[in-house]
Amino acid sequence: MKGRTSAYDVASKAGVSQSTVSRVLNDYPHIKESTRQKVLVAIKELGFTRDEIARSLASKKTRTIGLIVGDITNPFFAESAKVITGKAQDMEYDVILCNTNHKDENLEKYIQTLIGKRVDGIIIASADKDNQKIKELYDQGFPVVLYNSMMNHEKVNYIAVNNYNGAKLAVQHLYQLNHRNIGFIAGPSKYLTTHLRNLGFQDGLKELRINVNRQFVYDKEFSYDEVYQFTKKLLKKPTRPTGIFAASDQMALAVLDAATSENIDVPQELSVIGFDDIDMAKNQFIGLTTITQPKEKMATLVLEKLVSLIEKSDDLESPIQILLEPDLIPRRTTGINRFNNEN
């Protein structure tokens, strides 16, 4: 059986030294173009592929990063992962994608797996604000950047949107449309992202002198089916909300689905607003009013900042903490409330 083609074989065919082959493979400058071309032709003819394991042992870098998301079926995470993996490819980094299904035990298992695979750094989305495993990574100085997430740690690096202000924008929008009975699909407060959206929702109502109706609030784990059932029951009540704010577009779609099943017209009888501005929200048949997150900018930033930590290209004396401001995108799922409000 023919063995694996080596750099020695390439050097022999091209009539150069192995060190010259190495310099061509690593894009070293000051190599004659004619020599470079001879090496590249030999590589192509021999079908040579670099031994990445040996390379990583020599450089102590694998040029691989981990990307941990909470739910890959959520379009926000899927769309973000597409940007991150594409940008990583441009920067000659490979990405290992892990999906936790919002379970802490899965997050900790994937962190251990990625460390075992000697990734150079990790991007983590949907992290519990008190997760000890992530805190340990920061304490050890391992390159980690949180994406669309934050946590309680003095060394935390994150790229996120101002979730608090975004939730207040949603409340103010519904208020301006004459809604006073406002429901909220909040999600669990263990994530700082949803916790801040919850605070923004409550403070937004408080500033407008509206009381929070706890019967109108869903605060469990995000589940399309559970939010759908919760909304159906809510819309059958004698006193029900005329507007609902969902802390994610995916959950807003569950609200719209439930409203349709109860023959409730959106937005004539119920206004719905989401958060994230996933691609589906722009669909002309859905037209979801939402709070937008600049996904491409955020995803690009999180990768660039992680690579800067890995390659130590920036002299960082303080943690990377970037908070971007959201915008309200009004579409067809919100409208003026023409019914009587009770508060």
Protein backbone atom coordinates (compact mmCIF):
# COMPACT_ATOMS: atom_id res chain seq x y z
CA MET A 1 0.00 0.00 0.00
CA LYS A 2 1.34 3.40 -0.94
CA GLY A 3 2.17 5.53 2.11
CA ARG A 4 1.09 9.08 2.80
CA THR A 5 2.82 11.69 0.65
CA SER A 6 5.25 13.68 2.78
CA ALA A 7 6.86 17.10 2.59
CA TYR A 8 10.07 15.20 1.75
CA ASP A 9 8.39 13.79 -1.39
CA VAL A 10 7.28 17.29 -2.39
CA ALA A 11 10.79 18.67 -1.83
CA SER A 12 12.32 15.87 -3.88
CA LYS A 13 9.94 16.35 -6.81
CA ALA A 14 10.32 20.14 -6.79
CA GLY A 15 14.10 19.96 -6.41
CA VAL A 16 14.15 22.11 -3.26
CA SER A 17 14.81 21.59 0.44
CA GLN A 18 12.17 20.56 2.98
CA SER A 19 12.58 23.91 4.72
CA THR A 20 11.65 25.64 1.45
CA VAL A 21 8.49 23.51 1.21
CA SER A 22 7.67 24.47 4.80
CA ARG A 23 8.14 28.16 4.05
CA VAL A 24 5.82 27.92 1.02
CA LEU A 25 3.17 26.08 3.07
CA ASN A 26 3.30 28.77 5.73
CA ASP A 27 3.26 31.69 3.26
CA TYR A 28 6.67 33.01 4.25
CA PRO A 29 7.80 36.10 2.34
CA HIS A 30 11.07 36.46 0.42
CA ILE A 31 10.68 33.27 -1.62
CA LYS A 32 11.31 33.50 -5.34
CA GLU A 33 8.05 33.21 -7.23
CA SER A 34 9.52 30.59 -9.57
CA THR A 35 10.47 28.47 -6.54
CA ARG A 36 7.05 28.91 -4.98
CA GLN A 37 5.37 27.79 -8.20
CA LYS A 38 7.58 24.67 -8.45
CA VAL A 39 6.55 23.67 -4.94
CA LEU A 40 2.86 24.34 -5.57
CA VAL A 41 2.93 22.28 -8.79
CA ALA A 42 4.61 19.40 -6.95
CA ILE A 43 2.00 19.59 -4.16
CA LYS A 44 -0.81 19.41 -6.71
CA GLU A 45 0.70 16.57 -8.74
CA LEU A 46 1.44 14.47 -5.66
CA GLY A 47 -1.88 15.23 -3.95
CA PHE A 48 -0.04 16.32 -0.83
CA THR A 49 -2.09 17.36 2.22
CA ARG A 50 -0.53 18.90 5.30
CA ASP A 51 -0.40 16.81 8.49
CA GLU A 52 -2.43 19.14 10.70
CA ILE A 53 -1.80 17.10 13.85
CA ALA A 54 1.96 17.36 13.44
CA ARG A 55 1.60 21.02 12.58
CA SER A 56 -0.46 21.73 15.70
CA LEU A 57 2.06 19.91 17.91
CA ALA A 58 4.82 22.08 16.50
CA SER A 59 2.95 25.38 16.71
CA LYS A 60 0.88 24.54 19.81
CA LYS A 61 -2.12 25.83 17.87
CA THR A 62 -4.81 23.82 16.05
CA ARG A 63 -6.45 26.78 14.29
CA THR A 64 -9.74 25.32 15.49
CA ILE A 65 -12.36 27.00 17.65
CA GLY A 66 -15.47 25.72 19.38
CA LEU A 67 -18.90 27.28 18.91
CA ILE A 68 -21.47 26.29 21.54
CA VAL A 69 -25.10 27.32 20.96
CA GLY A 70 -28.22 26.72 23.02
CA ASP A 71 -30.58 25.55 20.29
CA ILE A 72 -29.51 25.19 16.67
CA THR A 73 -33.15 24.93 15.60
CA ASN A 74 -33.61 28.54 16.72
CA PRO A 75 -33.05 30.54 13.52
CA PHE A 76 -31.16 33.21 15.45
CA PHE A 77 -28.44 30.72 16.40
CA ALA A 78 -28.45 29.02 12.99
CA GLU A 79 -28.07 32.35 11.16
CA SER A 80 -25.35 33.48 13.56
CA ALA A 81 -23.47 30.18 13.20
CA LYS A 82 -23.51 30.57 9.42
CA VAL A 83 -21.84 33.98 9.67
CA ILE A 84 -19.28 32.81 12.25
CA THR A 85 -18.26 29.68 10.32
CA GLY A 86 -18.02 31.63 7.07
CA LYS A 87 -15.84 34.35 8.60
CA ALA A 88 -13.73 31.71 10.34
CA GLN A 89 -13.06 30.00 7.03
CA ASP A 90 -11.86 33.32 5.62
CA MET A 91 -9.47 33.59 8.57
CA GLU A 92 -8.32 29.96 8.05
CA TYR A 93 -9.89 28.64 11.24
CA ASP A 94 -12.05 25.52 11.51
CA VAL A 95 -15.15 25.51 13.70
CA ILE A 96 -16.57 22.67 15.80
CA LEU A 97 -20.28 23.36 16.39
CA CYS A 98 -21.96 22.04 19.54
CA ASN A 99 -25.67 22.23 20.46
CA THR A 100 -26.61 22.06 24.17
CA ASN A 101 -30.42 22.12 23.92
CA HIS A 102 -30.17 24.64 26.80
CA LYS A 103 -28.97 21.94 29.21
CA ASP A 104 -26.16 22.79 31.62
CA GLU A 105 -24.84 19.23 31.65
CA ASN A 106 -24.48 19.32 27.86
CA LEU A 107 -22.67 22.66 28.03
CA GLU A 108 -20.15 21.34 30.53
CA LYS A 109 -19.67 18.11 28.53
CA TYR A 110 -19.01 20.05 25.32
CA ILE A 111 -16.53 22.35 27.04
CA GLN A 112 -14.59 19.29 28.22
CA THR A 113 -14.77 17.74 24.75
CA LEU A 114 -13.52 20.89 23.04
CA ILE A 115 -10.66 21.29 25.51
CA GLY A 116 -9.77 17.64 24.86
CA LYS A 117 -9.67 18.37 21.14
CA ARG A 118 -7.24 21.21 21.89
CA VAL A 119 -9.31 24.00 20.36
CA ASP A 120 -7.61 27.39 20.54
CA GLY A 121 -10.68 29.18 21.90
CA ILE A 122 -14.45 28.92 22.38
CA ILE A 123 -17.48 31.07 21.52
CA ILE A 124 -20.42 30.39 23.83
CA ALA A 125 -24.02 31.48 23.28
CA SER A 126 -26.85 31.10 25.83
CA ALA A 127 -24.71 30.67 28.91
CA ASP A 128 -26.17 30.46 32.41
CA LYS A 129 -25.14 33.70 34.12
CA ASP A 130 -23.62 31.73 37.03
CA ASN A 131 -22.07 28.76 35.16
CA GLN A 132 -19.02 27.64 37.13
CA LYS A 133 -17.35 25.79 34.25
CA ILE A 134 -17.15 28.95 32.15
CA LYS A 135 -15.89 30.92 35.14
CA GLU A 136 -13.09 28.36 35.52
CA LEU A 137 -12.06 28.92 31.89
CA TYR A 138 -11.82 32.67 32.52
CA ASP A 139 -9.83 32.09 35.71
CA GLN A 140 -7.41 29.89 33.73
CA GLY A 141 -6.98 32.57 31.05
CA PHE A 142 -8.44 30.35 28.30
CA PRO A 143 -9.76 32.39 25.32
CA VAL A 144 -13.57 32.52 25.63
CA VAL A 145 -16.00 35.10 24.27
CA LEU A 146 -19.73 35.00 25.01
CA TYR A 147 -22.05 35.70 22.09
CA ASN A 148 -25.45 37.28 22.68
CA SER A 149 -24.91 36.38 26.31
CA MET A 150 -23.37 37.72 29.52
CA MET A 151 -22.50 36.38 32.95
CA ASN A 152 -21.44 37.43 36.43
CA HIS A 153 -17.62 37.40 36.29
CA GLU A 154 -15.09 40.21 36.38
CA LYS A 155 -13.06 38.73 33.49
CA VAL A 156 -15.98 37.94 31.17
CA ASN A 157 -15.62 38.76 27.46
CA TYR A 158 -18.86 39.30 25.58
CA ILE A 159 -20.47 40.71 22.46
CA ALA A 160 -24.15 41.37 23.12
CA VAL A 161 -27.07 43.66 22.39
CA ASN A 162 -28.58 45.92 25.04
CA ASN A 163 -31.37 43.51 25.99
CA TYR A 164 -32.76 45.79 28.70
CA ASN A 165 -33.24 48.72 26.32
CA GLY A 166 -34.62 46.42 23.63
CA ALA A 167 -37.39 45.16 25.92
CA LYS A 168 -38.29 48.73 26.88
CA LEU A 169 -38.54 49.61 23.17
CA ALA A 170 -41.05 46.79 22.72
CA VAL A 171 -43.18 47.93 25.66
CA GLN A 172 -43.13 51.56 24.51
CA HIS A 173 -44.18 50.52 21.00
CA LEU A 174 -47.21 48.61 22.29
CA TYR A 175 -48.11 51.45 24.64
CA GLN A 176 -48.02 53.96 21.79
CA LEU A 177 -50.48 51.72 19.95
CA ASN A 178 -52.91 52.04 22.90
CA HIS A 179 -52.15 48.64 24.48
CA ARG A 180 -52.35 48.47 28.28
CA ASN A 181 -52.98 44.74 28.86
CA ILE A 182 -49.62 43.39 27.74
CA GLY A 183 -48.46 39.78 27.95
CA PHE A 184 -44.86 38.62 28.00
CA ILE A 185 -43.15 35.41 26.89
CA ALA A 186 -40.14 35.93 29.14
CA GLY A 187 -38.28 32.63 29.25
CA PRO A 188 -36.10 31.51 32.19
CA SER A 189 -34.27 34.13 34.25
CA LYS A 190 -31.14 31.99 34.71
CA TYR A 191 -29.80 33.44 31.46
CA LEU A 192 -28.65 37.04 31.85
CA THR A 193 -29.99 37.78 28.36
CA THR A 194 -33.57 36.85 29.24
CA HIS A 195 -33.18 38.25 32.76
CA LEU A 196 -32.32 41.67 31.33
CA ARG A 197 -35.20 41.50 28.84
CA ASN A 198 -37.49 40.69 31.76
CA LEU A 199 -36.17 43.66 33.75
CA GLY A 200 -36.61 45.92 30.74
CA PHE A 201 -40.19 44.71 30.31
CA GLN A 202 -41.07 45.29 33.97
CA ASP A 203 -39.35 48.68 34.20
CA GLY A 204 -40.91 49.73 30.90
CA LEU A 205 -44.39 49.03 32.25
CA LYS A 206 -43.57 50.66 35.59
CA GLU A 207 -42.45 53.87 33.89
CA LEU A 208 -45.76 53.92 32.02
CA ARG A 209 -47.66 53.24 35.27
CA ILE A 210 -48.92 49.87 34.14
CA ASN A 211 -48.99 46.93 36.52
CA VAL A 212 -47.49 43.59 35.46
CA ASN A 213 -50.19 40.93 35.26
CA ARG A 214 -48.39 37.75 36.32
CA GLN A 215 -51.08 35.61 34.65
CA PHE A 216 -49.95 37.10 31.35
CA VAL A 217 -46.28 36.13 31.84
CA TYR A 218 -44.59 32.88 30.72
CA ASP A 219 -41.28 32.36 32.56
CA LYS A 220 -40.33 28.74 31.87
CA GLU A 221 -37.80 27.26 29.42
CA PHE A 222 -38.35 28.27 25.81
CA SER A 223 -40.37 25.55 24.12
CA TYR A 224 -42.43 26.17 21.02
CA ASP A 225 -45.12 23.69 22.09
CA GLU A 226 -45.34 24.98 25.67
CA VAL A 227 -45.52 28.62 24.59
CA TYR A 228 -48.17 27.67 22.03
CA GLN A 229 -50.30 25.96 24.70
CA PHE A 230 -49.75 28.78 27.22
CA THR A 231 -50.87 31.36 24.66
CA LYS A 232 -53.95 29.37 23.64
CA LYS A 233 -55.09 29.21 27.29
CA LEU A 234 -54.27 32.89 27.79
CA LEU A 235 -56.31 33.97 24.78
CA LYS A 236 -59.36 32.06 26.05
CA LYS A 237 -59.51 34.06 29.30
CA PRO A 238 -62.33 36.62 29.74
CA THR A 239 -59.66 39.28 30.32
CA ARG A 240 -56.76 38.70 27.99
CA PRO A 241 -53.86 40.76 26.66
CA THR A 242 -54.31 42.86 23.55
CA GLY A 243 -50.55 42.84 22.97
CA ILE A 244 -47.87 40.20 23.61
CA PHE A 245 -44.10 40.72 23.64
CA ALA A 246 -42.03 37.56 23.15
CA ALA A 247 -38.36 37.56 24.19
CA SER A 248 -37.43 35.75 20.97
CA ASP A 249 -38.82 35.72 17.44
CA GLN A 250 -39.10 31.94 17.54
CA MET A 251 -41.45 32.20 20.53
CA ALA A 252 -43.33 35.06 18.85
CA LEU A 253 -44.07 32.65 15.98
CA ALA A 254 -45.58 30.23 18.53
CA VAL A 255 -47.78 33.08 19.78
CA LEU A 256 -48.91 33.85 16.21
CA ASP A 257 -49.63 30.15 15.66
CA ALA A 258 -51.76 30.02 18.82
CA ALA A 259 -53.66 33.17 17.86
CA THR A 260 -54.51 31.69 14.47
CA SER A 261 -55.75 28.48 16.10
CA GLU A 262 -58.12 30.58 18.26
CA ASN A 263 -59.33 32.61 15.26
CA ILE A 264 -57.89 35.80 16.75
CA ASP A 265 -56.91 38.33 14.12
CA VAL A 266 -53.39 39.80 14.22
CA PRO A 267 -53.05 42.76 14.58
CA GLN A 268 -56.76 43.76 14.76
CA GLU A 269 -57.41 41.80 17.96
CA LEU A 270 -53.86 41.02 19.13
CA SER A 271 -50.52 42.71 18.49
CA VAL A 272 -47.37 40.58 18.67
CA ILE A 273 -43.76 41.70 18.85
CA GLY A 274 -40.62 39.55 18.99
CA PHE A 275 -36.91 39.97 19.60
CA ASP A 276 -33.96 39.02 17.28
CA ASP A 277 -35.15 39.89 13.74
CA ILE A 278 -34.51 36.44 12.30
CA ASP A 279 -34.73 36.15 8.51
CA MET A 280 -38.21 34.59 8.70
CA ALA A 281 -39.52 37.70 10.48
CA LYS A 282 -39.02 39.63 7.22
CA ASN A 283 -41.22 37.23 5.24
CA GLN A 284 -44.07 39.23 3.71
CA PHE A 285 -46.64 36.66 4.88
CA ILE A 286 -45.44 36.95 8.48
CA GLY A 287 -44.13 40.50 8.75
CA LEU A 288 -43.19 40.16 12.42
CA THR A 289 -42.62 43.38 14.34
CA THR A 290 -39.43 42.81 16.29
CA ILE A 291 -36.45 44.19 18.14
CA THR A 292 -33.48 43.70 15.88
CA GLN A 293 -30.07 42.40 16.82
CA PRO A 294 -27.26 43.23 14.34
CA LYS A 295 -26.41 39.54 13.91
CA GLU A 296 -23.78 39.89 11.21
CA LYS A 297 -21.95 42.65 13.06
CA MET A 298 -22.15 40.75 16.35
CA ALA A 299 -21.04 37.45 14.82
CA THR A 300 -18.13 39.10 13.00
CA LEU A 301 -17.03 40.93 16.14
CA VAL A 302 -17.18 37.85 18.35
CA LEU A 303 -14.95 35.89 15.96
CA GLU A 304 -12.48 38.74 15.46
CA LYS A 305 -12.19 39.31 19.21
CA LEU A 306 -11.72 35.61 19.95
CA VAL A 307 -8.97 35.36 17.33
CA SER A 308 -7.29 38.45 18.82
CA LEU A 309 -7.27 36.67 22.20
CA ILE A 310 -5.89 33.47 20.66
CA GLU A 311 -3.18 35.18 18.63
CA LYS A 312 -2.58 37.89 21.24
CA SER A 313 -2.70 40.43 18.42
CA ASP A 314 -4.21 43.09 20.70
CA ASP A 315 -2.75 44.31 23.97
CA LEU A 316 -5.86 43.82 26.07
CA GLU A 317 -5.61 45.15 29.60
CA SER A 318 -9.32 44.79 30.32
CA PRO A 319 -12.02 42.30 29.26
CA ILE A 320 -13.75 42.62 25.89
CA GLN A 321 -17.22 43.91 26.69
CA ILE A 322 -19.16 45.29 23.72
CA LEU A 323 -22.84 46.21 24.05
CA LEU A 324 -24.67 47.17 20.86
CA GLU A 325 -27.94 49.11 20.82
CA PRO A 326 -31.04 47.44 19.30
CA ASP A 327 -33.65 48.96 16.99
CA LEU A 328 -37.39 48.50 16.69
CA ILE A 329 -38.55 47.18 13.32
CA PRO A 330 -42.33 47.77 13.01
CA ARG A 331 -44.11 45.40 10.63
CA ARG A 332 -47.61 44.02 10.14
CA THR A 333 -48.08 42.08 13.46
CA THR A 334 -48.62 45.20 15.56
CA GLY A 335 -51.40 47.74 15.23
CA ILE A 336 -53.55 50.21 17.14
CA ASN A 337 -55.70 48.66 19.86
CA ARG A 338 -59.31 49.76 19.29
CA PHE A 339 -60.78 47.72 22.15
CA ASN A 340 -61.33 48.79 25.75
CA ASN A 341 -58.37 48.25 28.05
CA GLU A 342 -58.62 47.13 31.64
CA ASN A 343 -55.64 47.56 33.95
